[in-house]
Amino acid sequence: MNSSIDDVGASILKQALVKRNYIAHEFYIKNIYLFPDLEHRNKVYQTLVEDTKTITLGTALMSGFVEGFCEVLAIDKSKILVKQGV
């Protein structure tokens, strides 16, 4: 069993973190005043859809990593993982 994350995995996690941080800390500040403009709102929505895909991929990668970690160390996953829907 390979317990490391390769360069591709690390890149996915980095991209997901960047997207998450932007949405959490900058998205509304940078876009709230432009929401009344339908064209801008549609562009922002499409960007969010793509960002969501990136974040979901990072989440899936981390979830698999945590599950494998728990399996190797015989940790009951139900005691540490929270079920999420995508």
N, C-alpha and C. Protein backbone atom coordinates (compact mmCIF):
# COMPACT_ATOMS: atom_id res chain seq x y z
N MET A 1 0.84 -1.18 0.00
CA MET A 1 0.00 0.00 0.00
C MET A 1 0.88 1.24 0.00
N ASN A 2 0.62 2.16 -0.92
CA ASN A 2 1.38 3.40 -1.02
C ASN A 2 0.71 4.45 -0.14
N SER A 3 1.43 4.96 0.84
CA SER A 3 0.85 5.90 1.79
C SER A 3 1.28 7.34 1.53
N SER A 4 1.83 7.60 0.38
CA SER A 4 2.26 8.97 0.09
C SER A 4 1.38 9.58 -1.01
N ILE A 5 1.39 10.89 -1.05
CA ILE A 5 0.66 11.61 -2.10
C ILE A 5 1.69 12.06 -3.11
N ASP A 6 1.47 11.71 -4.37
CA ASP A 6 2.43 12.09 -5.41
C ASP A 6 2.26 13.56 -5.79
N ASP A 7 3.04 14.01 -6.77
CA ASP A 7 3.00 15.41 -7.20
C ASP A 7 1.63 15.81 -7.72
N VAL A 8 0.96 14.90 -8.41
CA VAL A 8 -0.38 15.19 -8.93
C VAL A 8 -1.35 15.40 -7.77
N GLY A 9 -1.30 14.51 -6.79
CA GLY A 9 -2.16 14.64 -5.62
C GLY A 9 -1.89 15.92 -4.86
N ALA A 10 -0.61 16.25 -4.70
CA ALA A 10 -0.24 17.48 -4.00
C ALA A 10 -0.75 18.70 -4.76
N SER A 11 -0.68 18.66 -6.07
CA SER A 11 -1.18 19.76 -6.89
C SER A 11 -2.69 19.91 -6.75
N ILE A 12 -3.40 18.79 -6.74
CA ILE A 12 -4.86 18.82 -6.56
C ILE A 12 -5.21 19.44 -5.22
N LEU A 13 -4.52 19.02 -4.17
CA LEU A 13 -4.80 19.56 -2.83
C LEU A 13 -4.48 21.05 -2.75
N LYS A 14 -3.39 21.46 -3.38
CA LYS A 14 -3.02 22.88 -3.37
C LYS A 14 -4.07 23.71 -4.09
N GLN A 15 -4.52 23.24 -5.27
CA GLN A 15 -5.55 23.96 -6.02
C GLN A 15 -6.86 24.03 -5.23
N ALA A 16 -7.23 22.93 -4.60
CA ALA A 16 -8.47 22.91 -3.81
C ALA A 16 -8.38 23.90 -2.65
N LEU A 17 -7.24 23.96 -1.99
CA LEU A 17 -7.07 24.89 -0.88
C LEU A 17 -7.13 26.34 -1.35
N VAL A 18 -6.51 26.63 -2.47
CA VAL A 18 -6.55 27.99 -3.02
C VAL A 18 -8.00 28.38 -3.33
N LYS A 19 -8.74 27.49 -3.98
CA LYS A 19 -10.15 27.76 -4.32
C LYS A 19 -10.98 27.94 -3.06
N ARG A 20 -10.79 27.06 -2.09
CA ARG A 20 -11.54 27.14 -0.83
C ARG A 20 -11.27 28.45 -0.13
N ASN A 21 -10.01 28.84 -0.05
CA ASN A 21 -9.66 30.09 0.62
C ASN A 21 -10.24 31.30 -0.10
N TYR A 22 -10.22 31.28 -1.42
CA TYR A 22 -10.80 32.38 -2.19
C TYR A 22 -12.30 32.50 -1.90
N ILE A 23 -13.01 31.37 -1.95
CA ILE A 23 -14.45 31.41 -1.72
C ILE A 23 -14.75 31.85 -0.29
N ALA A 24 -14.00 31.32 0.67
CA ALA A 24 -14.26 31.64 2.08
C ALA A 24 -13.89 33.07 2.45
N HIS A 25 -12.84 33.63 1.86
CA HIS A 25 -12.31 34.89 2.35
C HIS A 25 -12.41 36.07 1.38
N GLU A 26 -12.61 35.80 0.09
CA GLU A 26 -12.58 36.90 -0.88
C GLU A 26 -13.78 36.97 -1.81
N PHE A 27 -14.42 35.87 -2.06
CA PHE A 27 -15.46 35.79 -3.08
C PHE A 27 -16.53 36.87 -2.93
N TYR A 28 -17.17 36.92 -1.78
CA TYR A 28 -18.27 37.87 -1.60
C TYR A 28 -17.78 39.31 -1.57
N ILE A 29 -16.64 39.53 -0.96
CA ILE A 29 -16.08 40.88 -0.90
C ILE A 29 -15.83 41.42 -2.31
N LYS A 30 -15.32 40.57 -3.20
CA LYS A 30 -14.97 41.01 -4.55
C LYS A 30 -16.15 41.03 -5.51
N ASN A 31 -17.25 40.34 -5.18
CA ASN A 31 -18.34 40.20 -6.15
C ASN A 31 -19.69 40.75 -5.72
N ILE A 32 -19.89 41.02 -4.46
CA ILE A 32 -21.22 41.37 -3.97
C ILE A 32 -21.83 42.57 -4.69
N TYR A 33 -21.05 43.58 -4.99
CA TYR A 33 -21.59 44.78 -5.61
C TYR A 33 -21.86 44.60 -7.10
N LEU A 34 -21.35 43.53 -7.69
CA LEU A 34 -21.56 43.28 -9.10
C LEU A 34 -22.66 42.25 -9.36
N PHE A 35 -23.22 41.65 -8.30
CA PHE A 35 -24.26 40.64 -8.49
C PHE A 35 -25.48 41.13 -9.27
N PRO A 36 -25.89 42.40 -9.13
CA PRO A 36 -27.06 42.84 -9.92
C PRO A 36 -26.84 42.75 -11.44
N ASP A 37 -25.60 42.76 -11.88
CA ASP A 37 -25.29 42.63 -13.31
C ASP A 37 -25.39 41.16 -13.69
N LEU A 38 -26.42 40.81 -14.47
CA LEU A 38 -26.70 39.42 -14.80
C LEU A 38 -25.51 38.75 -15.51
N GLU A 39 -24.85 39.45 -16.41
CA GLU A 39 -23.71 38.85 -17.12
C GLU A 39 -22.58 38.52 -16.14
N HIS A 40 -22.28 39.44 -15.25
CA HIS A 40 -21.24 39.17 -14.25
C HIS A 40 -21.65 38.02 -13.34
N ARG A 41 -22.88 38.03 -12.91
CA ARG A 41 -23.37 36.98 -12.01
C ARG A 41 -23.26 35.61 -12.67
N ASN A 42 -23.58 35.51 -13.95
CA ASN A 42 -23.47 34.24 -14.67
C ASN A 42 -22.01 33.78 -14.78
N LYS A 43 -21.10 34.70 -15.04
CA LYS A 43 -19.68 34.35 -15.10
C LYS A 43 -19.18 33.86 -13.75
N VAL A 44 -19.58 34.57 -12.69
CA VAL A 44 -19.17 34.19 -11.34
C VAL A 44 -19.74 32.82 -10.99
N TYR A 45 -20.99 32.57 -11.37
CA TYR A 45 -21.60 31.27 -11.10
C TYR A 45 -20.82 30.15 -11.80
N GLN A 46 -20.46 30.34 -13.04
CA GLN A 46 -19.70 29.32 -13.77
C GLN A 46 -18.34 29.08 -13.11
N THR A 47 -17.72 30.13 -12.63
CA THR A 47 -16.45 29.99 -11.92
C THR A 47 -16.65 29.17 -10.64
N LEU A 48 -17.74 29.44 -9.92
CA LEU A 48 -18.03 28.67 -8.71
C LEU A 48 -18.26 27.20 -9.02
N VAL A 49 -18.92 26.92 -10.13
CA VAL A 49 -19.15 25.52 -10.52
C VAL A 49 -17.81 24.82 -10.72
N GLU A 50 -16.89 25.46 -11.42
CA GLU A 50 -15.57 24.88 -11.65
C GLU A 50 -14.79 24.76 -10.33
N ASP A 51 -14.87 25.79 -9.50
CA ASP A 51 -14.19 25.75 -8.20
C ASP A 51 -14.72 24.60 -7.35
N THR A 52 -16.02 24.38 -7.40
CA THR A 52 -16.64 23.29 -6.63
C THR A 52 -16.09 21.95 -7.08
N LYS A 53 -15.89 21.78 -8.38
CA LYS A 53 -15.31 20.52 -8.89
C LYS A 53 -13.90 20.33 -8.34
N THR A 54 -13.11 21.39 -8.32
CA THR A 54 -11.75 21.31 -7.82
C THR A 54 -11.74 20.97 -6.33
N ILE A 55 -12.59 21.63 -5.57
CA ILE A 55 -12.66 21.38 -4.12
C ILE A 55 -13.16 19.97 -3.85
N THR A 56 -14.13 19.50 -4.61
CA THR A 56 -14.66 18.16 -4.44
C THR A 56 -13.59 17.11 -4.71
N LEU A 57 -12.78 17.33 -5.73
CA LEU A 57 -11.70 16.41 -6.05
C LEU A 57 -10.68 16.36 -4.90
N GLY A 58 -10.34 17.52 -4.36
CA GLY A 58 -9.44 17.57 -3.21
C GLY A 58 -10.02 16.89 -1.99
N THR A 59 -11.31 17.08 -1.78
CA THR A 59 -11.99 16.44 -0.64
C THR A 59 -12.00 14.93 -0.80
N ALA A 60 -12.28 14.46 -2.00
CA ALA A 60 -12.27 13.01 -2.25
C ALA A 60 -10.88 12.43 -2.02
N LEU A 61 -9.86 13.14 -2.47
CA LEU A 61 -8.49 12.68 -2.27
C LEU A 61 -8.16 12.58 -0.78
N MET A 62 -8.49 13.60 -0.03
CA MET A 62 -8.22 13.59 1.41
C MET A 62 -9.05 12.53 2.13
N SER A 63 -10.27 12.36 1.71
CA SER A 63 -11.12 11.34 2.33
C SER A 63 -10.52 9.95 2.14
N GLY A 64 -10.05 9.67 0.93
CA GLY A 64 -9.41 8.39 0.67
C GLY A 64 -8.14 8.22 1.49
N PHE A 65 -7.38 9.29 1.61
CA PHE A 65 -6.15 9.25 2.40
C PHE A 65 -6.46 8.96 3.87
N VAL A 66 -7.45 9.65 4.42
CA VAL A 66 -7.82 9.46 5.83
C VAL A 66 -8.35 8.04 6.05
N GLU A 67 -9.18 7.55 5.13
CA GLU A 67 -9.70 6.20 5.27
C GLU A 67 -8.57 5.16 5.25
N GLY A 68 -7.62 5.34 4.35
CA GLY A 68 -6.47 4.43 4.29
C GLY A 68 -5.62 4.52 5.54
N PHE A 69 -5.42 5.72 6.03
CA PHE A 69 -4.68 5.95 7.27
C PHE A 69 -5.35 5.22 8.43
N CYS A 70 -6.66 5.36 8.53
CA CYS A 70 -7.40 4.69 9.60
C CYS A 70 -7.31 3.17 9.48
N GLU A 71 -7.39 2.69 8.26
CA GLU A 71 -7.31 1.24 8.05
C GLU A 71 -5.96 0.70 8.50
N VAL A 72 -4.89 1.36 8.10
CA VAL A 72 -3.54 0.91 8.45
C VAL A 72 -3.32 0.94 9.96
N LEU A 73 -3.86 1.95 10.63
CA LEU A 73 -3.65 2.09 12.07
C LEU A 73 -4.79 1.50 12.90
N ALA A 74 -5.70 0.80 12.24
CA ALA A 74 -6.84 0.15 12.92
C ALA A 74 -7.64 1.13 13.77
N ILE A 75 -7.94 2.29 13.19
CA ILE A 75 -8.76 3.31 13.86
C ILE A 75 -10.18 3.18 13.33
N ASP A 76 -11.15 3.22 14.21
CA ASP A 76 -12.56 3.15 13.82
C ASP A 76 -12.94 4.47 13.14
N LYS A 77 -13.15 4.42 11.82
CA LYS A 77 -13.44 5.63 11.05
C LYS A 77 -14.70 6.34 11.52
N SER A 78 -15.68 5.57 12.02
CA SER A 78 -16.94 6.19 12.43
C SER A 78 -16.75 7.15 13.61
N LYS A 79 -15.64 7.04 14.30
CA LYS A 79 -15.39 7.91 15.45
C LYS A 79 -14.71 9.21 15.06
N ILE A 80 -14.19 9.28 13.84
CA ILE A 80 -13.48 10.51 13.45
C ILE A 80 -14.02 11.15 12.19
N LEU A 81 -14.68 10.41 11.32
CA LEU A 81 -15.15 10.97 10.05
C LEU A 81 -16.59 11.44 10.16
N VAL A 82 -16.89 12.52 9.45
CA VAL A 82 -18.24 13.05 9.37
C VAL A 82 -18.77 12.75 7.97
N LYS A 83 -19.92 12.14 7.87
CA LYS A 83 -20.48 11.84 6.56
C LYS A 83 -20.88 13.14 5.88
N GLN A 84 -20.53 13.26 4.59
CA GLN A 84 -20.84 14.47 3.82
C GLN A 84 -21.48 14.08 2.52
N GLY A 85 -22.29 14.95 2.03
CA GLY A 85 -22.87 14.77 0.72
C GLY A 85 -22.25 15.75 -0.25
N VAL A 86 -22.13 15.36 -1.49
CA VAL A 86 -21.54 16.25 -2.49
C VAL A 86 -22.64 16.77 -3.38
